[in-house]
Amino acid sequence: MVNIEFIKAHYLQLLTLLQQEVSLNQSTQEFLNYVLLYKNKFSSAENVDNVQELREFLRGANRFADEFSFSDQNGSQIRALIKGLYDLLNKTI
């Protein structure tokens, strides 16, 4: 089972990267706002219902990310963090 603190750390890393991206490209603010909607859920990802919901959110976030042009500097890391979070959540059950 994956440590919840590890999941939170990955999520916070994603937020930090997205905030950096917004400073480079204001058009990505909408994606950051979307990811911020789940901040409280990632803080309490202990129960199975939250894990399921977070997995669904990350699937949607992955698709939604396709609508944005991220910088070369951050784009691959953003996508890797989304995928990594999804993989971590799959290991929690």
PDB file of N, CA and C in Angstrom:
ATOM      1  N   MET A   1       0.840  -1.177   0.000  1.00  0.00           N
ATOM      2  CA  MET A   1       0.000   0.000   0.000  1.00  0.00           C
ATOM      3  C   MET A   1       0.893   1.251   0.000  1.00  0.00           C
ATOM      4  N   VAL A   2       0.494   2.252  -0.751  1.00  0.00           N
ATOM      5  CA  VAL A   2       1.269   3.476  -0.901  1.00  0.00           C
ATOM      6  C   VAL A   2       0.947   4.441   0.239  1.00  0.00           C
ATOM      7  N   ASN A   3       1.955   5.100   0.725  1.00  0.00           N
ATOM      8  CA  ASN A   3       1.803   6.089   1.782  1.00  0.00           C
ATOM      9  C   ASN A   3       1.043   7.304   1.251  1.00  0.00           C
ATOM     10  N   ILE A   4       0.011   7.725   1.989  1.00  0.00           N
ATOM     11  CA  ILE A   4      -0.799   8.873   1.600  1.00  0.00           C
ATOM     12  C   ILE A   4       0.059  10.136   1.496  1.00  0.00           C
ATOM     13  N   GLU A   5       1.031  10.277   2.364  1.00  0.00           N
ATOM     14  CA  GLU A   5       1.903  11.454   2.325  1.00  0.00           C
ATOM     15  C   GLU A   5       2.680  11.516   1.007  1.00  0.00           C
ATOM     16  N   PHE A   6       3.008  10.363   0.455  1.00  0.00           N
ATOM     17  CA  PHE A   6       3.708  10.300  -0.826  1.00  0.00           C
ATOM     18  C   PHE A   6       2.801  10.817  -1.948  1.00  0.00           C
ATOM     19  N   ILE A   7       1.520  10.452  -1.895  1.00  0.00           N
ATOM     20  CA  ILE A   7       0.542  10.925  -2.881  1.00  0.00           C
ATOM     21  C   ILE A   7       0.379  12.437  -2.753  1.00  0.00           C
ATOM     22  N   LYS A   8       0.239  12.916  -1.526  1.00  0.00           N
ATOM     23  CA  LYS A   8       0.106  14.364  -1.301  1.00  0.00           C
ATOM     24  C   LYS A   8       1.320  15.114  -1.840  1.00  0.00           C
ATOM     25  N   ALA A   9       2.501  14.570  -1.606  1.00  0.00           N
ATOM     26  CA  ALA A   9       3.731  15.218  -2.075  1.00  0.00           C
ATOM     27  C   ALA A   9       3.744  15.318  -3.599  1.00  0.00           C
ATOM     28  N   HIS A  10       3.314  14.267  -4.281  1.00  0.00           N
ATOM     29  CA  HIS A  10       3.246  14.293  -5.746  1.00  0.00           C
ATOM     30  C   HIS A  10       2.241  15.337  -6.220  1.00  0.00           C
ATOM     31  N   TYR A  11       1.098  15.386  -5.556  1.00  0.00           N
ATOM     32  CA  TYR A  11       0.071  16.361  -5.921  1.00  0.00           C
ATOM     33  C   TYR A  11       0.608  17.785  -5.727  1.00  0.00           C
ATOM     34  N   LEU A  12       1.269  18.042  -4.605  1.00  0.00           N
ATOM     35  CA  LEU A  12       1.818  19.376  -4.349  1.00  0.00           C
ATOM     36  C   LEU A  12       2.910  19.729  -5.355  1.00  0.00           C
ATOM     37  N   GLN A  13       3.663  18.735  -5.764  1.00  0.00           N
ATOM     38  CA  GLN A  13       4.681  18.957  -6.796  1.00  0.00           C
ATOM     39  C   GLN A  13       4.012  19.342  -8.116  1.00  0.00           C
ATOM     40  N   LEU A  14       2.901  18.686  -8.435  1.00  0.00           N
ATOM     41  CA  LEU A  14       2.144  19.026  -9.644  1.00  0.00           C
ATOM     42  C   LEU A  14       1.634  20.461  -9.554  1.00  0.00           C
ATOM     43  N   LEU A  15       1.080  20.841  -8.407  1.00  0.00           N
ATOM     44  CA  LEU A  15       0.593  22.214  -8.236  1.00  0.00           C
ATOM     45  C   LEU A  15       1.717  23.232  -8.416  1.00  0.00           C
ATOM     46  N   THR A  16       2.860  22.961  -7.837  1.00  0.00           N
ATOM     47  CA  THR A  16       4.002  23.873  -7.952  1.00  0.00           C
ATOM     48  C   THR A  16       4.419  24.036  -9.408  1.00  0.00           C
ATOM     49  N   LEU A  17       4.479  22.929 -10.109  1.00  0.00           N
ATOM     50  CA  LEU A  17       4.862  22.967 -11.519  1.00  0.00           C
ATOM     51  C   LEU A  17       3.831  23.738 -12.346  1.00  0.00           C
ATOM     52  N   LEU A  18       2.560  23.524 -12.056  1.00  0.00           N
ATOM     53  CA  LEU A  18       1.510  24.242 -12.787  1.00  0.00           C
ATOM     54  C   LEU A  18       1.550  25.738 -12.489  1.00  0.00           C
ATOM     55  N   GLN A  19       1.858  26.104 -11.268  1.00  0.00           N
ATOM     56  CA  GLN A  19       1.979  27.526 -10.933  1.00  0.00           C
ATOM     57  C   GLN A  19       3.145  28.154 -11.692  1.00  0.00           C
ATOM     58  N   GLN A  20       4.229  27.424 -11.825  1.00  0.00           N
ATOM     59  CA  GLN A  20       5.361  27.906 -12.621  1.00  0.00           C
ATOM     60  C   GLN A  20       4.952  28.049 -14.082  1.00  0.00           C
ATOM     61  N   GLU A  21       4.180  27.093 -14.552  1.00  0.00           N
ATOM     62  CA  GLU A  21       3.728  27.112 -15.941  1.00  0.00           C
ATOM     63  C   GLU A  21       2.834  28.320 -16.202  1.00  0.00           C
ATOM     64  N   VAL A  22       1.948  28.623 -15.273  1.00  0.00           N
ATOM     65  CA  VAL A  22       1.047  29.768 -15.437  1.00  0.00           C
ATOM     66  C   VAL A  22       1.844  31.066 -15.529  1.00  0.00           C
ATOM     67  N   SER A  23       2.942  31.150 -14.796  1.00  0.00           N
ATOM     68  CA  SER A  23       3.767  32.363 -14.881  1.00  0.00           C
ATOM     69  C   SER A  23       4.412  32.505 -16.263  1.00  0.00           C
ATOM     70  N   LEU A  24       4.599  31.388 -16.952  1.00  0.00           N
ATOM     71  CA  LEU A  24       5.152  31.408 -18.312  1.00  0.00           C
ATOM     72  C   LEU A  24       4.068  31.532 -19.372  1.00  0.00           C
ATOM     73  N   ASN A  25       2.889  30.989 -19.058  1.00  0.00           N
ATOM     74  CA  ASN A  25       1.823  30.881 -20.046  1.00  0.00           C
ATOM     75  C   ASN A  25       0.469  31.013 -19.340  1.00  0.00           C
ATOM     76  N   GLN A  26      -0.097  32.210 -19.370  1.00  0.00           N
ATOM     77  CA  GLN A  26      -1.348  32.491 -18.663  1.00  0.00           C
ATOM     78  C   GLN A  26      -2.515  31.617 -19.133  1.00  0.00           C
ATOM     79  N   SER A  27      -2.447  31.105 -20.340  1.00  0.00           N
ATOM     80  CA  SER A  27      -3.562  30.299 -20.852  1.00  0.00           C
ATOM     81  C   SER A  27      -3.726  28.983 -20.098  1.00  0.00           C
ATOM     82  N   THR A  28      -2.740  28.598 -19.303  1.00  0.00           N
ATOM     83  CA  THR A  28      -2.834  27.350 -18.540  1.00  0.00           C
ATOM     84  C   THR A  28      -3.474  27.549 -17.164  1.00  0.00           C
ATOM     85  N   GLN A  29      -3.874  28.789 -16.854  1.00  0.00           N
ATOM     86  CA  GLN A  29      -4.514  29.083 -15.566  1.00  0.00           C
ATOM     87  C   GLN A  29      -5.773  28.240 -15.370  1.00  0.00           C
ATOM     88  N   GLU A  30      -6.522  28.032 -16.443  1.00  0.00           N
ATOM     89  CA  GLU A  30      -7.755  27.241 -16.356  1.00  0.00           C
ATOM     90  C   GLU A  30      -7.460  25.806 -15.906  1.00  0.00           C
ATOM     91  N   PHE A  31      -6.378  25.247 -16.393  1.00  0.00           N
ATOM     92  CA  PHE A  31      -6.010  23.890 -15.987  1.00  0.00           C
ATOM     93  C   PHE A  31      -5.583  23.863 -14.521  1.00  0.00           C
ATOM     94  N   LEU A  32      -4.815  24.852 -14.098  1.00  0.00           N
ATOM     95  CA  LEU A  32      -4.427  24.946 -12.688  1.00  0.00           C
ATOM     96  C   LEU A  32      -5.670  25.052 -11.807  1.00  0.00           C
ATOM     97  N   ASN A  33      -6.624  25.870 -12.210  1.00  0.00           N
ATOM     98  CA  ASN A  33      -7.865  26.007 -11.435  1.00  0.00           C
ATOM     99  C   ASN A  33      -8.582  24.665 -11.314  1.00  0.00           C
ATOM    100  N   TYR A  34      -8.593  23.902 -12.393  1.00  0.00           N
ATOM    101  CA  TYR A  34      -9.233  22.583 -12.389  1.00  0.00           C
ATOM    102  C   TYR A  34      -8.534  21.649 -11.401  1.00  0.00           C
ATOM    103  N   VAL A  35      -7.226  21.639 -11.427  1.00  0.00           N
ATOM    104  CA  VAL A  35      -6.462  20.767 -10.530  1.00  0.00           C
ATOM    105  C   VAL A  35      -6.646  21.193  -9.072  1.00  0.00           C
ATOM    106  N   LEU A  36      -6.770  22.482  -8.836  1.00  0.00           N
ATOM    107  CA  LEU A  36      -6.971  22.988  -7.473  1.00  0.00           C
ATOM    108  C   LEU A  36      -8.317  22.570  -6.877  1.00  0.00           C
ATOM    109  N   LEU A  37      -9.283  22.256  -7.726  1.00  0.00           N
ATOM    110  CA  LEU A  37     -10.596  21.821  -7.234  1.00  0.00           C
ATOM    111  C   LEU A  37     -10.494  20.594  -6.334  1.00  0.00           C
ATOM    112  N   TYR A  38      -9.464  19.797  -6.523  1.00  0.00           N
ATOM    113  CA  TYR A  38      -9.334  18.534  -5.788  1.00  0.00           C
ATOM    114  C   TYR A  38      -8.290  18.586  -4.675  1.00  0.00           C
ATOM    115  N   LYS A  39      -7.849  19.773  -4.332  1.00  0.00           N
ATOM    116  CA  LYS A  39      -6.809  19.909  -3.305  1.00  0.00           C
ATOM    117  C   LYS A  39      -7.229  19.263  -1.987  1.00  0.00           C
ATOM    118  N   ASN A  40      -8.445  19.517  -1.532  1.00  0.00           N
ATOM    119  CA  ASN A  40      -8.914  18.928  -0.271  1.00  0.00           C
ATOM    120  C   ASN A  40      -9.043  17.414  -0.367  1.00  0.00           C
ATOM    121  N   LYS A  41      -9.441  16.918  -1.508  1.00  0.00           N
ATOM    122  CA  LYS A  41      -9.583  15.466  -1.689  1.00  0.00           C
ATOM    123  C   LYS A  41      -8.226  14.769  -1.613  1.00  0.00           C
ATOM    124  N   PHE A  42      -7.205  15.407  -2.172  1.00  0.00           N
ATOM    125  CA  PHE A  42      -5.873  14.810  -2.104  1.00  0.00           C
ATOM    126  C   PHE A  42      -5.312  14.859  -0.692  1.00  0.00           C
ATOM    127  N   SER A  43      -5.820  15.766   0.112  1.00  0.00           N
ATOM    128  CA  SER A  43      -5.371  15.863   1.504  1.00  0.00           C
ATOM    129  C   SER A  43      -5.976  14.778   2.376  1.00  0.00           C
ATOM    130  N   SER A  44      -7.061  14.171   1.902  1.00  0.00           N
ATOM    131  CA  SER A  44      -7.717  13.125   2.700  1.00  0.00           C
ATOM    132  C   SER A  44      -7.997  11.904   1.835  1.00  0.00           C
ATOM    133  N   ALA A  45      -6.987  11.416   1.177  1.00  0.00           N
ATOM    134  CA  ALA A  45      -7.142  10.314   0.218  1.00  0.00           C
ATOM    135  C   ALA A  45      -7.131   8.941   0.875  1.00  0.00           C
ATOM    136  N   GLU A  46      -7.393   8.881   2.179  1.00  0.00           N
ATOM    137  CA  GLU A  46      -7.284   7.601   2.873  1.00  0.00           C
ATOM    138  C   GLU A  46      -8.382   6.605   2.509  1.00  0.00           C
ATOM    139  N   ASN A  47      -9.600   7.096   2.305  1.00  0.00           N
ATOM    140  CA  ASN A  47     -10.675   6.127   2.103  1.00  0.00           C
ATOM    141  C   ASN A  47     -10.843   5.739   0.638  1.00  0.00           C
ATOM    142  N   VAL A  48     -11.409   4.582   0.440  1.00  0.00           N
ATOM    143  CA  VAL A  48     -11.544   3.992  -0.896  1.00  0.00           C
ATOM    144  C   VAL A  48     -12.379   4.864  -1.825  1.00  0.00           C
ATOM    145  N   ASP A  49     -13.440   5.477  -1.297  1.00  0.00           N
ATOM    146  CA  ASP A  49     -14.278   6.327  -2.143  1.00  0.00           C
ATOM    147  C   ASP A  49     -13.481   7.494  -2.712  1.00  0.00           C
ATOM    148  N   ASN A  50     -12.662   8.110  -1.874  1.00  0.00           N
ATOM    149  CA  ASN A  50     -11.824   9.208  -2.354  1.00  0.00           C
ATOM    150  C   ASN A  50     -10.840   8.730  -3.410  1.00  0.00           C
ATOM    151  N   VAL A  51     -10.261   7.580  -3.204  1.00  0.00           N
ATOM    152  CA  VAL A  51      -9.286   7.048  -4.160  1.00  0.00           C
ATOM    153  C   VAL A  51      -9.943   6.844  -5.522  1.00  0.00           C
ATOM    154  N   GLN A  52     -11.127   6.266  -5.529  1.00  0.00           N
ATOM    155  CA  GLN A  52     -11.847   6.060  -6.791  1.00  0.00           C
ATOM    156  C   GLN A  52     -12.124   7.398  -7.475  1.00  0.00           C
ATOM    157  N   GLU A  53     -12.607   8.361  -6.685  1.00  0.00           N
ATOM    158  CA  GLU A  53     -12.924   9.680  -7.232  1.00  0.00           C
ATOM    159  C   GLU A  53     -11.671  10.375  -7.762  1.00  0.00           C
ATOM    160  N   LEU A  54     -10.575  10.242  -7.051  1.00  0.00           N
ATOM    161  CA  LEU A  54      -9.327  10.866  -7.488  1.00  0.00           C
ATOM    162  C   LEU A  54      -8.795  10.229  -8.763  1.00  0.00           C
ATOM    163  N   ARG A  55      -8.962   8.933  -8.887  1.00  0.00           N
ATOM    164  CA  ARG A  55      -8.554   8.270 -10.134  1.00  0.00           C
ATOM    165  C   ARG A  55      -9.361   8.802 -11.315  1.00  0.00           C
ATOM    166  N   GLU A  56     -10.674   8.937 -11.114  1.00  0.00           N
ATOM    167  CA  GLU A  56     -11.533   9.483 -12.172  1.00  0.00           C
ATOM    168  C   GLU A  56     -11.113  10.912 -12.514  1.00  0.00           C
ATOM    169  N   PHE A  57     -10.826  11.696 -11.480  1.00  0.00           N
ATOM    170  CA  PHE A  57     -10.372  13.066 -11.693  1.00  0.00           C
ATOM    171  C   PHE A  57      -9.095  13.083 -12.535  1.00  0.00           C
ATOM    172  N   LEU A  58      -8.145  12.226 -12.212  1.00  0.00           N
ATOM    173  CA  LEU A  58      -6.874  12.212 -12.940  1.00  0.00           C
ATOM    174  C   LEU A  58      -7.044  11.756 -14.384  1.00  0.00           C
ATOM    175  N   ARG A  59      -7.973  10.839 -14.624  1.00  0.00           N
ATOM    176  CA  ARG A  59      -8.271  10.469 -16.021  1.00  0.00           C
ATOM    177  C   ARG A  59      -8.756  11.697 -16.782  1.00  0.00           C
ATOM    178  N   GLY A  60      -9.684  12.427 -16.143  1.00  0.00           N
ATOM    179  CA  GLY A  60     -10.203  13.644 -16.765  1.00  0.00           C
ATOM    180  C   GLY A  60      -9.129  14.706 -16.927  1.00  0.00           C
ATOM    181  N   ALA A  61      -8.285  14.858 -15.918  1.00  0.00           N
ATOM    182  CA  ALA A  61      -7.209  15.848 -15.981  1.00  0.00           C
ATOM    183  C   ALA A  61      -6.248  15.519 -17.116  1.00  0.00           C
ATOM    184  N   ASN A  62      -5.979  14.252 -17.306  1.00  0.00           N
ATOM    185  CA  ASN A  62      -5.089  13.835 -18.387  1.00  0.00           C
ATOM    186  C   ASN A  62      -5.678  14.218 -19.746  1.00  0.00           C
ATOM    187  N   ARG A  63      -6.981  13.981 -19.905  1.00  0.00           N
ATOM    188  CA  ARG A  63      -7.637  14.360 -21.168  1.00  0.00           C
ATOM    189  C   ARG A  63      -7.697  15.882 -21.314  1.00  0.00           C
ATOM    190  N   PHE A  64      -8.044  16.576 -20.221  1.00  0.00           N
ATOM    191  CA  PHE A  64      -8.152  18.032 -20.240  1.00  0.00           C
ATOM    192  C   PHE A  64      -6.795  18.666 -20.552  1.00  0.00           C
ATOM    193  N   ALA A  65      -5.723  18.076 -20.085  1.00  0.00           N
ATOM    194  CA  ALA A  65      -4.374  18.602 -20.332  1.00  0.00           C
ATOM    195  C   ALA A  65      -4.058  18.648 -21.825  1.00  0.00           C
ATOM    196  N   ASP A  66      -4.688  17.760 -22.604  1.00  0.00           N
ATOM    197  CA  ASP A  66      -4.458  17.746 -24.051  1.00  0.00           C
ATOM    198  C   ASP A  66      -4.899  19.048 -24.714  1.00  0.00           C
ATOM    199  N   GLU A  67      -5.776  19.800 -24.053  1.00  0.00           N
ATOM    200  CA  GLU A  67      -6.279  21.049 -24.621  1.00  0.00           C
ATOM    201  C   GLU A  67      -5.313  22.218 -24.421  1.00  0.00           C
ATOM    202  N   PHE A  68      -4.232  21.991 -23.701  1.00  0.00           N
ATOM    203  CA  PHE A  68      -3.303  23.070 -23.371  1.00  0.00           C
ATOM    204  C   PHE A  68      -1.933  22.815 -23.985  1.00  0.00           C
ATOM    205  N   SER A  69      -1.272  23.906 -24.303  1.00  0.00           N
ATOM    206  CA  SER A  69       0.109  23.832 -24.790  1.00  0.00           C
ATOM    207  C   SER A  69       1.025  24.233 -23.647  1.00  0.00           C
ATOM    208  N   PHE A  70       1.603  23.245 -23.013  1.00  0.00           N
ATOM    209  CA  PHE A  70       2.534  23.505 -21.926  1.00  0.00           C
ATOM    210  C   PHE A  70       3.917  23.777 -22.507  1.00  0.00           C
ATOM    211  N   SER A  71       4.714  24.495 -21.754  1.00  0.00           N
ATOM    212  CA  SER A  71       6.067  24.821 -22.210  1.00  0.00           C
ATOM    213  C   SER A  71       6.914  23.549 -22.299  1.00  0.00           C
ATOM    214  N   ASP A  72       7.954  23.631 -23.108  1.00  0.00           N
ATOM    215  CA  ASP A  72       8.901  22.513 -23.195  1.00  0.00           C
ATOM    216  C   ASP A  72       9.535  22.258 -21.833  1.00  0.00           C
ATOM    217  N   GLN A  73       9.709  23.329 -21.089  1.00  0.00           N
ATOM    218  CA  GLN A  73      10.342  23.259 -19.772  1.00  0.00           C
ATOM    219  C   GLN A  73       9.534  22.403 -18.788  1.00  0.00           C
ATOM    220  N   ASN A  74       8.203  22.502 -18.824  1.00  0.00           N
ATOM    221  CA  ASN A  74       7.370  21.840 -17.816  1.00  0.00           C
ATOM    222  C   ASN A  74       6.427  20.762 -18.345  1.00  0.00           C
ATOM    223  N   GLY A  75       6.157  20.775 -19.631  1.00  0.00           N
ATOM    224  CA  GLY A  75       5.124  19.911 -20.192  1.00  0.00           C
ATOM    225  C   GLY A  75       5.278  18.432 -19.895  1.00  0.00           C
ATOM    226  N   SER A  76       6.451  17.898 -20.130  1.00  0.00           N
ATOM    227  CA  SER A  76       6.632  16.456 -19.914  1.00  0.00           C
ATOM    228  C   SER A  76       6.558  16.104 -18.432  1.00  0.00           C
ATOM    229  N   GLN A  77       7.039  17.001 -17.569  1.00  0.00           N
ATOM    230  CA  GLN A  77       6.965  16.751 -16.128  1.00  0.00           C
ATOM    231  C   GLN A  77       5.518  16.783 -15.631  1.00  0.00           C
ATOM    232  N   ILE A  78       4.728  17.715 -16.155  1.00  0.00           N
ATOM    233  CA  ILE A  78       3.319  17.804 -15.764  1.00  0.00           C
ATOM    234  C   ILE A  78       2.615  16.504 -16.115  1.00  0.00           C
ATOM    235  N   ARG A  79       2.810  16.049 -17.328  1.00  0.00           N
ATOM    236  CA  ARG A  79       2.155  14.804 -17.759  1.00  0.00           C
ATOM    237  C   ARG A  79       2.656  13.597 -16.962  1.00  0.00           C
ATOM    238  N   ALA A  80       3.949  13.576 -16.679  1.00  0.00           N
ATOM    239  CA  ALA A  80       4.513  12.467 -15.899  1.00  0.00           C
ATOM    240  C   ALA A  80       3.952  12.458 -14.475  1.00  0.00           C
ATOM    241  N   LEU A  81       3.766  13.626 -13.886  1.00  0.00           N
ATOM    242  CA  LEU A  81       3.205  13.689 -12.532  1.00  0.00           C
ATOM    243  C   LEU A  81       1.750  13.235 -12.507  1.00  0.00           C
ATOM    244  N   ILE A  82       0.984  13.613 -13.519  1.00  0.00           N
ATOM    245  CA  ILE A  82      -0.410  13.161 -13.587  1.00  0.00           C
ATOM    246  C   ILE A  82      -0.445  11.638 -13.696  1.00  0.00           C
ATOM    247  N   LYS A  83       0.370  11.094 -14.590  1.00  0.00           N
ATOM    248  CA  LYS A  83       0.422   9.637 -14.750  1.00  0.00           C
ATOM    249  C   LYS A  83       0.925   8.970 -13.471  1.00  0.00           C
ATOM    250  N   GLY A  84       1.944   9.550 -12.865  1.00  0.00           N
ATOM    251  CA  GLY A  84       2.494   8.996 -11.634  1.00  0.00           C
ATOM    252  C   GLY A  84       1.482   8.981 -10.499  1.00  0.00           C
ATOM    253  N   LEU A  85       0.713  10.050 -10.381  1.00  0.00           N
ATOM    254  CA  LEU A  85      -0.337  10.094  -9.353  1.00  0.00           C
ATOM    255  C   LEU A  85      -1.374   9.012  -9.596  1.00  0.00           C
ATOM    256  N   TYR A  86      -1.753   8.851 -10.848  1.00  0.00           N
ATOM    257  CA  TYR A  86      -2.733   7.814 -11.190  1.00  0.00           C
ATOM    258  C   TYR A  86      -2.186   6.433 -10.814  1.00  0.00           C
ATOM    259  N   ASP A  87      -0.944   6.185 -11.151  1.00  0.00           N
ATOM    260  CA  ASP A  87      -0.324   4.897 -10.823  1.00  0.00           C
ATOM    261  C   ASP A  87      -0.242   4.680  -9.314  1.00  0.00           C
ATOM    262  N   LEU A  88       0.105   5.729  -8.574  1.00  0.00           N
ATOM    263  CA  LEU A  88       0.156   5.625  -7.112  1.00  0.00           C
ATOM    264  C   LEU A  88      -1.217   5.297  -6.531  1.00  0.00           C
ATOM    265  N   LEU A  89      -2.239   5.951  -7.044  1.00  0.00           N
ATOM    266  CA  LEU A  89      -3.593   5.689  -6.546  1.00  0.00           C
ATOM    267  C   LEU A  89      -4.029   4.263  -6.863  1.00  0.00           C
ATOM    268  N   ASN A  90      -3.576   3.729  -7.981  1.00  0.00           N
ATOM    269  CA  ASN A  90      -3.902   2.340  -8.315  1.00  0.00           C
ATOM    270  C   ASN A  90      -3.276   1.363  -7.331  1.00  0.00           C
ATOM    271  N   LYS A  91      -2.187   1.759  -6.708  1.00  0.00           N
ATOM    272  CA  LYS A  91      -1.504   0.883  -5.750  1.00  0.00           C
ATOM    273  C   LYS A  91      -2.072   0.996  -4.342  1.00  0.00           C
ATOM    274  N   THR A  92      -2.985   1.932  -4.111  1.00  0.00           N
ATOM    275  CA  THR A  92      -3.506   2.127  -2.754  1.00  0.00           C
ATOM    276  C   THR A  92      -4.601   1.141  -2.401  1.00  0.00           C
ATOM    277  N   ILE A  93      -5.169   0.481  -3.394  1.00  0.00           N
ATOM    278  CA  ILE A  93      -6.253  -0.480  -3.102  1.00  0.00           C
ATOM    279  C   ILE A  93      -5.752  -1.888  -3.285  1.00  0.00           C
TER     280      ILE A  93
END
